[in-house]
Amino acid sequence: MNSKSYALRAGLFVLILGATMVAAVLWVAGRRPAVRPYIVVTNGSVFGLKVASTIFFRGIEAGTVRRIRIDPHDPRKIFIIVAIDDRIPVTHGTYAELKLQGVTGLTALELESTGDLRPLPTSRAHPARIPMRPSLLDALGRASRATLTELTRLGGKLDRLLSADNERHIRVLLTNAANASRQFQAISDNLATASRALPALAQQGQQTLRQLDAVSRRLDRLSGRLNTLVTTAQTAGNTVLAQTLPRINATLDQLRATAADVNALSRSLRHNPQQLLLGAPPQMPGPGEPGYRRR
């Protein structure tokens, strides 16, 4: 009797446990949200993205990655087949980006929506496509490649710059720069010395200006005196022209008449020297005078 009772209790326990497990499975299956299929299309790398990776919509869990494959018609494209929660608003403006998760090296898909907010229809037979934009990792990769290319180019330039001839030129330039620096220091010292002498020069300049001012005043007085002298000279000139010159002209006329008389006397003496003893010969009578004869 005891063994039968034990077996009965064990059977009841197994039946209850099985029914509980079936109910739990059914309850969990009933609680699973409905999902919609989409295809995320990218031309870039999906390094770090794994199947079953979680998909986020603005930080909210929105679905999972079901499969990753290459487009059979265009090997440059990669298809990421995803299942998105039916409650997530996927629109015509929705796009995907790869986001790095911590320091594990794994990445996750992040969905964003901008622009066109019309719902994006999809189905299992024809999943809608969501474009993927270049992520920060892609930008960093391109920037790294560009940086490496630029560093390589700069390295080549440095190799050419640091050739033996250029090294000698650089040494000469550095030597010239050092000499120029010393000369500049010497010029600075000279300027400092000159600046110390500027007050004395300014004082001398002020004294010179005062002296020039005194000379200017003297020149003004001299100019006044010269003006007075010119006025006096003009007055004397006018007096000479008005009074002295007529007298001088009359005297000159008398001197010319006397000179003419002397010349006549000299000619007469040359022709008749005895007139100095006998006197001048008598003048021939003119017409109407006694003794006049017509020739």
C-alpha atoms as a PDB file:
ATOM      1  CA  MET A   1       0.000   0.000   0.000  1.00  0.00           C
ATOM      2  CA  ASN A   2       2.796   2.345   0.849  1.00  0.00           C
ATOM      3  CA  SER A   3       4.604   1.712  -2.447  1.00  0.00           C
ATOM      4  CA  LYS A   4       1.429   2.338  -4.422  1.00  0.00           C
ATOM      5  CA  SER A   5       0.831   5.615  -2.587  1.00  0.00           C
ATOM      6  CA  TYR A   6       4.401   6.736  -3.259  1.00  0.00           C
ATOM      7  CA  ALA A   7       4.094   5.943  -6.967  1.00  0.00           C
ATOM      8  CA  LEU A   8       0.819   7.822  -7.146  1.00  0.00           C
ATOM      9  CA  ARG A   9       2.299  10.909  -5.540  1.00  0.00           C
ATOM     10  CA  ALA A  10       5.332  10.763  -7.860  1.00  0.00           C
ATOM     11  CA  GLY A  11       3.109  10.462 -10.935  1.00  0.00           C
ATOM     12  CA  LEU A  12       0.985  13.417  -9.818  1.00  0.00           C
ATOM     13  CA  PHE A  13       4.118  15.484  -9.273  1.00  0.00           C
ATOM     14  CA  VAL A  14       5.429  14.704 -12.759  1.00  0.00           C
ATOM     15  CA  LEU A  15       2.076  15.533 -14.348  1.00  0.00           C
ATOM     16  CA  ILE A  16       1.816  18.832 -12.463  1.00  0.00           C
ATOM     17  CA  LEU A  17       5.422  19.739 -13.325  1.00  0.00           C
ATOM     18  CA  GLY A  18       4.887  18.937 -17.014  1.00  0.00           C
ATOM     19  CA  ALA A  19       1.669  20.932 -17.158  1.00  0.00           C
ATOM     20  CA  THR A  20       3.437  23.859 -15.492  1.00  0.00           C
ATOM     21  CA  MET A  21       6.287  23.763 -17.990  1.00  0.00           C
ATOM     22  CA  VAL A  22       3.878  23.571 -20.941  1.00  0.00           C
ATOM     23  CA  ALA A  23       1.907  26.515 -19.530  1.00  0.00           C
ATOM     24  CA  ALA A  24       5.098  28.522 -19.046  1.00  0.00           C
ATOM     25  CA  VAL A  25       6.239  27.810 -22.608  1.00  0.00           C
ATOM     26  CA  LEU A  26       2.839  28.753 -23.962  1.00  0.00           C
ATOM     27  CA  TRP A  27       2.807  31.898 -21.839  1.00  0.00           C
ATOM     28  CA  VAL A  28       6.291  32.939 -23.015  1.00  0.00           C
ATOM     29  CA  ALA A  29       5.390  32.184 -26.625  1.00  0.00           C
ATOM     30  CA  GLY A  30       2.266  34.229 -26.236  1.00  0.00           C
ATOM     31  CA  ARG A  31       4.283  37.114 -24.774  1.00  0.00           C
ATOM     32  CA  ARG A  32       6.858  37.187 -27.630  1.00  0.00           C
ATOM     33  CA  PRO A  33       6.324  40.414 -29.634  1.00  0.00           C
ATOM     34  CA  ALA A  34       5.561  40.263 -33.310  1.00  0.00           C
ATOM     35  CA  VAL A  35       8.488  41.175 -35.595  1.00  0.00           C
ATOM     36  CA  ARG A  36       8.839  42.440 -39.163  1.00  0.00           C
ATOM     37  CA  PRO A  37      11.628  41.495 -41.564  1.00  0.00           C
ATOM     38  CA  TYR A  38      13.916  44.138 -43.145  1.00  0.00           C
ATOM     39  CA  ILE A  39      17.195  44.117 -45.043  1.00  0.00           C
ATOM     40  CA  VAL A  40      19.904  46.606 -44.080  1.00  0.00           C
ATOM     41  CA  VAL A  41      22.098  47.321 -47.129  1.00  0.00           C
ATOM     42  CA  THR A  42      25.663  48.611 -46.875  1.00  0.00           C
ATOM     43  CA  ASN A  43      28.702  49.020 -49.104  1.00  0.00           C
ATOM     44  CA  GLY A  44      31.060  49.262 -46.155  1.00  0.00           C
ATOM     45  CA  SER A  45      32.514  46.845 -43.653  1.00  0.00           C
ATOM     46  CA  VAL A  46      30.377  45.117 -40.995  1.00  0.00           C
ATOM     47  CA  PHE A  47      33.356  44.017 -38.933  1.00  0.00           C
ATOM     48  CA  GLY A  48      32.290  43.121 -35.377  1.00  0.00           C
ATOM     49  CA  LEU A  49      28.635  42.528 -36.235  1.00  0.00           C
ATOM     50  CA  LYS A  50      27.406  39.016 -35.426  1.00  0.00           C
ATOM     51  CA  VAL A  51      24.272  36.981 -36.032  1.00  0.00           C
ATOM     52  CA  ALA A  52      21.864  37.398 -33.088  1.00  0.00           C
ATOM     53  CA  SER A  53      23.386  40.808 -32.295  1.00  0.00           C
ATOM     54  CA  THR A  54      20.889  43.163 -30.722  1.00  0.00           C
ATOM     55  CA  ILE A  55      19.496  46.014 -32.812  1.00  0.00           C
ATOM     56  CA  PHE A  56      18.743  49.320 -31.079  1.00  0.00           C
ATOM     57  CA  PHE A  57      16.425  52.169 -31.970  1.00  0.00           C
ATOM     58  CA  ARG A  58      17.758  55.282 -30.281  1.00  0.00           C
ATOM     59  CA  GLY A  59      19.116  53.152 -27.451  1.00  0.00           C
ATOM     60  CA  ILE A  60      15.993  50.938 -27.131  1.00  0.00           C
ATOM     61  CA  GLU A  61      16.217  47.227 -27.971  1.00  0.00           C
ATOM     62  CA  ALA A  62      14.355  46.894 -31.253  1.00  0.00           C
ATOM     63  CA  GLY A  63      15.244  43.497 -32.734  1.00  0.00           C
ATOM     64  CA  THR A  64      18.013  41.104 -33.682  1.00  0.00           C
ATOM     65  CA  VAL A  65      20.271  40.248 -36.604  1.00  0.00           C
ATOM     66  CA  ARG A  66      19.052  37.072 -38.264  1.00  0.00           C
ATOM     67  CA  ARG A  67      21.583  36.627 -41.081  1.00  0.00           C
ATOM     68  CA  ILE A  68      24.477  38.383 -42.844  1.00  0.00           C
ATOM     69  CA  ARG A  69      25.264  37.651 -46.485  1.00  0.00           C
ATOM     70  CA  ILE A  70      26.694  39.187 -49.651  1.00  0.00           C
ATOM     71  CA  ASP A  71      24.374  40.407 -52.392  1.00  0.00           C
ATOM     72  CA  PRO A  72      24.566  37.678 -55.083  1.00  0.00           C
ATOM     73  CA  HIS A  73      24.046  40.278 -57.826  1.00  0.00           C
ATOM     74  CA  ASP A  74      26.550  42.879 -56.530  1.00  0.00           C
ATOM     75  CA  PRO A  75      29.432  41.610 -54.381  1.00  0.00           C
ATOM     76  CA  ARG A  76      30.165  45.155 -53.242  1.00  0.00           C
ATOM     77  CA  LYS A  77      26.957  45.146 -51.174  1.00  0.00           C
ATOM     78  CA  ILE A  78      26.294  43.297 -47.937  1.00  0.00           C
ATOM     79  CA  PHE A  79      22.798  42.325 -46.848  1.00  0.00           C
ATOM     80  CA  ILE A  80      21.983  42.219 -43.131  1.00  0.00           C
ATOM     81  CA  ILE A  81      18.652  40.455 -42.639  1.00  0.00           C
ATOM     82  CA  VAL A  82      17.059  41.740 -39.435  1.00  0.00           C
ATOM     83  CA  ALA A  83      13.848  41.216 -37.476  1.00  0.00           C
ATOM     84  CA  ILE A  84      12.454  44.439 -35.986  1.00  0.00           C
ATOM     85  CA  ASP A  85       9.844  44.666 -33.249  1.00  0.00           C
ATOM     86  CA  ASP A  86       6.469  45.520 -34.753  1.00  0.00           C
ATOM     87  CA  ARG A  87       6.106  48.369 -32.269  1.00  0.00           C
ATOM     88  CA  ILE A  88       9.226  50.172 -33.557  1.00  0.00           C
ATOM     89  CA  PRO A  89       8.324  52.930 -36.071  1.00  0.00           C
ATOM     90  CA  VAL A  90      10.357  52.131 -39.184  1.00  0.00           C
ATOM     91  CA  THR A  91       9.789  54.878 -41.768  1.00  0.00           C
ATOM     92  CA  HIS A  92      11.080  55.953 -45.179  1.00  0.00           C
ATOM     93  CA  GLY A  93      13.548  58.183 -43.321  1.00  0.00           C
ATOM     94  CA  THR A  94      14.961  55.362 -41.173  1.00  0.00           C
ATOM     95  CA  TYR A  95      18.661  54.512 -41.610  1.00  0.00           C
ATOM     96  CA  ALA A  96      21.134  52.283 -39.771  1.00  0.00           C
ATOM     97  CA  GLU A  97      24.616  52.876 -38.349  1.00  0.00           C
ATOM     98  CA  LEU A  98      27.193  50.631 -36.758  1.00  0.00           C
ATOM     99  CA  LYS A  99      27.979  51.520 -33.150  1.00  0.00           C
ATOM    100  CA  LEU A 100      30.907  50.157 -31.174  1.00  0.00           C
ATOM    101  CA  GLN A 101      29.963  48.339 -27.959  1.00  0.00           C
ATOM    102  CA  GLY A 102      32.441  49.113 -25.212  1.00  0.00           C
ATOM    103  CA  VAL A 103      35.951  47.725 -25.595  1.00  0.00           C
ATOM    104  CA  THR A 104      34.919  44.249 -26.748  1.00  0.00           C
ATOM    105  CA  GLY A 105      35.370  45.053 -30.422  1.00  0.00           C
ATOM    106  CA  LEU A 106      31.760  44.007 -31.155  1.00  0.00           C
ATOM    107  CA  THR A 107      29.362  46.340 -32.908  1.00  0.00           C
ATOM    108  CA  ALA A 108      25.605  46.742 -32.917  1.00  0.00           C
ATOM    109  CA  LEU A 109      23.112  48.175 -35.366  1.00  0.00           C
ATOM    110  CA  GLU A 110      21.562  51.489 -34.337  1.00  0.00           C
ATOM    111  CA  LEU A 111      18.420  52.716 -36.129  1.00  0.00           C
ATOM    112  CA  GLU A 112      17.638  56.435 -36.540  1.00  0.00           C
ATOM    113  CA  SER A 113      14.753  58.220 -38.283  1.00  0.00           C
ATOM    114  CA  THR A 114      14.909  61.635 -39.932  1.00  0.00           C
ATOM    115  CA  GLY A 115      13.093  63.428 -42.710  1.00  0.00           C
ATOM    116  CA  ASP A 116      10.310  61.370 -44.251  1.00  0.00           C
ATOM    117  CA  LEU A 117       8.220  59.862 -41.421  1.00  0.00           C
ATOM    118  CA  ARG A 118       5.876  57.778 -43.585  1.00  0.00           C
ATOM    119  CA  PRO A 119       5.793  54.118 -42.434  1.00  0.00           C
ATOM    120  CA  LEU A 120       7.978  51.775 -44.505  1.00  0.00           C
ATOM    121  CA  PRO A 121       5.869  48.734 -45.578  1.00  0.00           C
ATOM    122  CA  THR A 122       7.531  45.293 -45.587  1.00  0.00           C
ATOM    123  CA  SER A 123       6.697  41.581 -45.845  1.00  0.00           C
ATOM    124  CA  ARG A 124       8.389  38.210 -45.552  1.00  0.00           C
ATOM    125  CA  ALA A 125       8.246  37.732 -49.316  1.00  0.00           C
ATOM    126  CA  HIS A 126       9.626  41.214 -50.087  1.00  0.00           C
ATOM    127  CA  PRO A 127      11.523  42.667 -47.107  1.00  0.00           C
ATOM    128  CA  ALA A 128      11.965  46.431 -47.290  1.00  0.00           C
ATOM    129  CA  ARG A 129      15.503  47.750 -47.444  1.00  0.00           C
ATOM    130  CA  ILE A 130      17.024  50.134 -44.913  1.00  0.00           C
ATOM    131  CA  PRO A 131      20.175  52.002 -45.990  1.00  0.00           C
ATOM    132  CA  MET A 132      23.222  52.081 -43.764  1.00  0.00           C
ATOM    133  CA  ARG A 133      25.133  55.328 -43.406  1.00  0.00           C
ATOM    134  CA  PRO A 134      28.875  55.469 -42.820  1.00  0.00           C
ATOM    135  CA  SER A 135      29.537  55.167 -39.135  1.00  0.00           C
ATOM    136  CA  LEU A 136      32.146  56.852 -36.999  1.00  0.00           C
ATOM    137  CA  LEU A 137      34.282  53.752 -37.435  1.00  0.00           C
ATOM    138  CA  ASP A 138      34.160  54.126 -41.233  1.00  0.00           C
ATOM    139  CA  ALA A 139      35.009  57.813 -40.968  1.00  0.00           C
ATOM    140  CA  LEU A 140      37.885  56.998 -38.639  1.00  0.00           C
ATOM    141  CA  GLY A 141      39.053  54.286 -41.021  1.00  0.00           C
ATOM    142  CA  ARG A 142      39.022  56.644 -43.993  1.00  0.00           C
ATOM    143  CA  ALA A 143      40.691  59.359 -41.958  1.00  0.00           C
ATOM    144  CA  SER A 144      43.313  56.867 -40.793  1.00  0.00           C
ATOM    145  CA  ARG A 145      44.027  55.769 -44.351  1.00  0.00           C
ATOM    146  CA  ALA A 146      44.215  59.390 -45.505  1.00  0.00           C
ATOM    147  CA  THR A 147      46.471  60.184 -42.559  1.00  0.00           C
ATOM    148  CA  LEU A 148      48.747  57.258 -43.343  1.00  0.00           C
ATOM    149  CA  THR A 149      48.913  58.326 -46.981  1.00  0.00           C
ATOM    150  CA  GLU A 150      49.757  61.871 -45.948  1.00  0.00           C
ATOM    151  CA  LEU A 151      52.340  60.645 -43.440  1.00  0.00           C
ATOM    152  CA  THR A 152      53.907  58.499 -46.144  1.00  0.00           C
ATOM    153  CA  ARG A 153      54.046  61.492 -48.468  1.00  0.00           C
ATOM    154  CA  LEU A 154      55.499  63.676 -45.731  1.00  0.00           C
ATOM    155  CA  GLY A 155      58.025  60.961 -44.936  1.00  0.00           C
ATOM    156  CA  GLY A 156      59.186  60.989 -48.543  1.00  0.00           C
ATOM    157  CA  LYS A 157      59.479  64.763 -48.438  1.00  0.00           C
ATOM    158  CA  LEU A 158      61.431  64.568 -45.184  1.00  0.00           C
ATOM    159  CA  ASP A 159      63.777  62.028 -46.739  1.00  0.00           C
ATOM    160  CA  ARG A 160      64.401  64.405 -49.614  1.00  0.00           C
ATOM    161  CA  LEU A 161      64.647  67.364 -47.261  1.00  0.00           C
ATOM    162  CA  LEU A 162      67.174  65.636 -45.027  1.00  0.00           C
ATOM    163  CA  SER A 163      69.526  64.729 -47.858  1.00  0.00           C
ATOM    164  CA  ALA A 164      73.237  65.478 -47.439  1.00  0.00           C
ATOM    165  CA  ASP A 165      73.067  68.689 -49.503  1.00  0.00           C
ATOM    166  CA  ASN A 166      69.983  69.953 -47.698  1.00  0.00           C
ATOM    167  CA  GLU A 167      71.550  69.164 -44.334  1.00  0.00           C
ATOM    168  CA  ARG A 168      74.489  71.377 -45.239  1.00  0.00           C
ATOM    169  CA  HIS A 169      72.080  74.104 -46.359  1.00  0.00           C
ATOM    170  CA  ILE A 170      70.167  73.784 -43.097  1.00  0.00           C
ATOM    171  CA  ARG A 171      73.387  74.088 -41.089  1.00  0.00           C
ATOM    172  CA  VAL A 172      74.280  77.233 -43.056  1.00  0.00           C
ATOM    173  CA  LEU A 173      70.790  78.630 -42.440  1.00  0.00           C
ATOM    174  CA  LEU A 174      71.035  77.901 -38.728  1.00  0.00           C
ATOM    175  CA  THR A 175      74.468  79.539 -38.586  1.00  0.00           C
ATOM    176  CA  ASN A 176      73.148  82.602 -40.410  1.00  0.00           C
ATOM    177  CA  ALA A 177      70.165  82.692 -38.065  1.00  0.00           C
ATOM    178  CA  ALA A 178      72.501  82.602 -35.057  1.00  0.00           C
ATOM    179  CA  ASN A 179      74.613  85.416 -36.537  1.00  0.00           C
ATOM    180  CA  ALA A 180      71.492  87.432 -37.293  1.00  0.00           C
ATOM    181  CA  SER A 181      70.329  86.889 -33.718  1.00  0.00           C
ATOM    182  CA  ARG A 182      73.634  88.191 -32.349  1.00  0.00           C
ATOM    183  CA  GLN A 183      73.521  91.191 -34.685  1.00  0.00           C
ATOM    184  CA  PHE A 184      69.955  91.870 -33.633  1.00  0.00           C
ATOM    185  CA  GLN A 185      71.053  91.774 -29.999  1.00  0.00           C
ATOM    186  CA  ALA A 186      73.843  94.232 -30.789  1.00  0.00           C
ATOM    187  CA  ILE A 187      71.370  96.511 -32.562  1.00  0.00           C
ATOM    188  CA  SER A 188      69.050  96.267 -29.558  1.00  0.00           C
ATOM    189  CA  ASP A 189      71.903  97.260 -27.247  1.00  0.00           C
ATOM    190  CA  ASN A 190      72.775 100.213 -29.511  1.00  0.00           C
ATOM    191  CA  LEU A 191      69.146 101.274 -29.578  1.00  0.00           C
ATOM    192  CA  ALA A 192      69.022 101.095 -25.797  1.00  0.00           C
ATOM    193  CA  THR A 193      72.140 103.294 -25.594  1.00  0.00           C
ATOM    194  CA  ALA A 194      70.663 105.709 -28.123  1.00  0.00           C
ATOM    195  CA  SER A 195      67.400 105.836 -26.215  1.00  0.00           C
ATOM    196  CA  ARG A 196      69.289 106.823 -23.080  1.00  0.00           C
ATOM    197  CA  ALA A 197      70.904 109.677 -25.060  1.00  0.00           C
ATOM    198  CA  LEU A 198      67.558 110.885 -26.390  1.00  0.00           C
ATOM    199  CA  PRO A 199      66.751 113.171 -23.376  1.00  0.00           C
ATOM    200  CA  ALA A 200      70.064 115.017 -23.808  1.00  0.00           C
ATOM    201  CA  LEU A 201      69.446 115.307 -27.545  1.00  0.00           C
ATOM    202  CA  ALA A 202      65.963 116.611 -26.868  1.00  0.00           C
ATOM    203  CA  GLN A 203      67.369 119.235 -24.490  1.00  0.00           C
ATOM    204  CA  GLN A 204      69.961 120.266 -27.087  1.00  0.00           C
ATOM    205  CA  GLY A 205      67.242 120.433 -29.684  1.00  0.00           C
ATOM    206  CA  GLN A 206      65.214 122.734 -27.437  1.00  0.00           C
ATOM    207  CA  GLN A 207      68.254 124.970 -26.947  1.00  0.00           C
ATOM    208  CA  THR A 208      68.827 125.019 -30.713  1.00  0.00           C
ATOM    209  CA  LEU A 209      65.186 125.964 -31.249  1.00  0.00           C
ATOM    210  CA  ARG A 210      65.523 128.816 -28.759  1.00  0.00           C
ATOM    211  CA  GLN A 211      68.667 130.017 -30.534  1.00  0.00           C
ATOM    212  CA  LEU A 212      66.921 129.786 -33.892  1.00  0.00           C
ATOM    213  CA  ASP A 213      64.060 131.787 -32.459  1.00  0.00           C
ATOM    214  CA  ALA A 214      66.504 134.486 -31.296  1.00  0.00           C
ATOM    215  CA  VAL A 215      68.191 134.525 -34.724  1.00  0.00           C
ATOM    216  CA  SER A 216      64.781 134.795 -36.332  1.00  0.00           C
ATOM    217  CA  ARG A 217      63.928 137.808 -34.210  1.00  0.00           C
ATOM    218  CA  ARG A 218      67.271 139.410 -35.115  1.00  0.00           C
ATOM    219  CA  LEU A 219      66.613 138.747 -38.786  1.00  0.00           C
ATOM    220  CA  ASP A 220      63.226 140.388 -38.404  1.00  0.00           C
ATOM    221  CA  ARG A 221      64.857 143.507 -36.922  1.00  0.00           C
ATOM    222  CA  LEU A 222      67.529 143.472 -39.670  1.00  0.00           C
ATOM    223  CA  SER A 223      64.822 143.130 -42.286  1.00  0.00           C
ATOM    224  CA  GLY A 224      63.117 146.206 -40.859  1.00  0.00           C
ATOM    225  CA  ARG A 225      66.334 148.128 -40.994  1.00  0.00           C
ATOM    226  CA  LEU A 226      66.945 147.015 -44.571  1.00  0.00           C
ATOM    227  CA  ASN A 227      63.468 148.159 -45.509  1.00  0.00           C
ATOM    228  CA  THR A 228      64.236 151.561 -43.973  1.00  0.00           C
ATOM    229  CA  LEU A 229      67.554 151.713 -45.845  1.00  0.00           C
ATOM    230  CA  VAL A 230      65.865 150.782 -49.122  1.00  0.00           C
ATOM    231  CA  THR A 231      63.289 153.509 -48.566  1.00  0.00           C
ATOM    232  CA  THR A 232      66.062 156.037 -47.863  1.00  0.00           C
ATOM    233  CA  ALA A 233      67.983 154.912 -50.944  1.00  0.00           C
ATOM    234  CA  GLN A 234      64.868 155.283 -53.059  1.00  0.00           C
ATOM    235  CA  THR A 235      64.342 158.813 -51.672  1.00  0.00           C
ATOM    236  CA  ALA A 236      67.992 159.729 -52.358  1.00  0.00           C
ATOM    237  CA  GLY A 237      67.751 158.297 -55.855  1.00  0.00           C
ATOM    238  CA  ASN A 238      64.657 160.340 -56.538  1.00  0.00           C
ATOM    239  CA  THR A 239      66.432 163.443 -55.255  1.00  0.00           C
ATOM    240  CA  VAL A 240      69.456 162.748 -57.462  1.00  0.00           C
ATOM    241  CA  LEU A 241      67.205 162.261 -60.479  1.00  0.00           C
ATOM    242  CA  ALA A 242      65.198 165.403 -59.813  1.00  0.00           C
ATOM    243  CA  GLN A 243      67.927 167.910 -58.790  1.00  0.00           C
ATOM    244  CA  THR A 244      71.495 166.686 -59.209  1.00  0.00           C
ATOM    245  CA  LEU A 245      71.283 165.156 -62.677  1.00  0.00           C
ATOM    246  CA  PRO A 246      70.031 168.372 -64.414  1.00  0.00           C
ATOM    247  CA  ARG A 247      72.946 170.301 -62.896  1.00  0.00           C
ATOM    248  CA  ILE A 248      75.378 167.608 -63.985  1.00  0.00           C
ATOM    249  CA  ASN A 249      73.895 167.761 -67.517  1.00  0.00           C
ATOM    250  CA  ALA A 250      74.346 171.563 -67.692  1.00  0.00           C
ATOM    251  CA  THR A 251      77.932 171.267 -66.504  1.00  0.00           C
ATOM    252  CA  LEU A 252      78.588 168.589 -69.096  1.00  0.00           C
ATOM    253  CA  ASP A 253      77.151 170.894 -71.817  1.00  0.00           C
ATOM    254  CA  GLN A 254      79.522 173.659 -70.694  1.00  0.00           C
ATOM    255  CA  LEU A 255      82.422 171.206 -70.676  1.00  0.00           C
ATOM    256  CA  ARG A 256      81.536 170.111 -74.226  1.00  0.00           C
ATOM    257  CA  ALA A 257      81.398 173.794 -75.410  1.00  0.00           C
ATOM    258  CA  THR A 258      84.741 174.539 -73.742  1.00  0.00           C
ATOM    259  CA  ALA A 259      86.250 171.423 -75.324  1.00  0.00           C
ATOM    260  CA  ALA A 260      84.994 172.596 -78.733  1.00  0.00           C
ATOM    261  CA  ASP A 261      86.593 176.043 -78.189  1.00  0.00           C
ATOM    262  CA  VAL A 262      89.876 174.404 -77.148  1.00  0.00           C
ATOM    263  CA  ASN A 263      89.818 172.220 -80.241  1.00  0.00           C
ATOM    264  CA  ALA A 264      89.169 175.228 -82.462  1.00  0.00           C
ATOM    265  CA  LEU A 265      92.026 177.134 -80.786  1.00  0.00           C
ATOM    266  CA  SER A 266      94.323 174.164 -81.220  1.00  0.00           C
ATOM    267  CA  ARG A 267      93.529 173.941 -84.948  1.00  0.00           C
ATOM    268  CA  SER A 268      94.046 177.659 -85.361  1.00  0.00           C
ATOM    269  CA  LEU A 269      97.414 177.517 -83.606  1.00  0.00           C
ATOM    270  CA  ARG A 270      98.502 174.621 -85.807  1.00  0.00           C
ATOM    271  CA  HIS A 271      97.749 176.638 -88.941  1.00  0.00           C
ATOM    272  CA  ASN A 272      98.957 180.022 -87.673  1.00  0.00           C
ATOM    273  CA  PRO A 273     101.300 179.718 -84.670  1.00  0.00           C
ATOM    274  CA  GLN A 274     102.373 183.390 -84.885  1.00  0.00           C
ATOM    275  CA  GLN A 275      99.057 184.473 -83.610  1.00  0.00           C
ATOM    276  CA  LEU A 276     100.375 183.746 -80.142  1.00  0.00           C
ATOM    277  CA  LEU A 277     102.629 186.848 -80.703  1.00  0.00           C
ATOM    278  CA  LEU A 278     100.632 188.918 -83.128  1.00  0.00           C
ATOM    279  CA  GLY A 279      97.189 187.961 -82.035  1.00  0.00           C
ATOM    280  CA  ALA A 280      94.444 186.448 -83.985  1.00  0.00           C
ATOM    281  CA  PRO A 281      94.183 187.525 -87.659  1.00  0.00           C
ATOM    282  CA  PRO A 282      91.335 189.782 -88.527  1.00  0.00           C
ATOM    283  CA  GLN A 283      88.148 188.143 -89.614  1.00  0.00           C
ATOM    284  CA  MET A 284      87.151 188.455 -93.246  1.00  0.00           C
ATOM    285  CA  PRO A 285      84.376 191.080 -93.703  1.00  0.00           C
ATOM    286  CA  GLY A 286      81.055 189.488 -94.254  1.00  0.00           C
ATOM    287  CA  PRO A 287      78.309 190.565 -96.607  1.00  0.00           C
ATOM    288  CA  GLY A 288      77.356 194.175 -95.958  1.00  0.00           C
ATOM    289  CA  GLU A 289      80.558 194.979 -94.082  1.00  0.00           C
ATOM    290  CA  PRO A 290      83.190 197.362 -95.402  1.00  0.00           C
ATOM    291  CA  GLY A 291      85.803 195.721 -97.573  1.00  0.00           C
ATOM    292  CA  TYR A 292      83.605 192.704 -98.376  1.00  0.00           C
ATOM    293  CA  ARG A 293      84.374 191.161-101.690  1.00  0.00           C
ATOM    294  CA  ARG A 294      82.407 188.619-103.464  1.00  0.00           C
ATOM    295  CA  ARG A 295      84.543 185.736-104.559  1.00  0.00           C
END
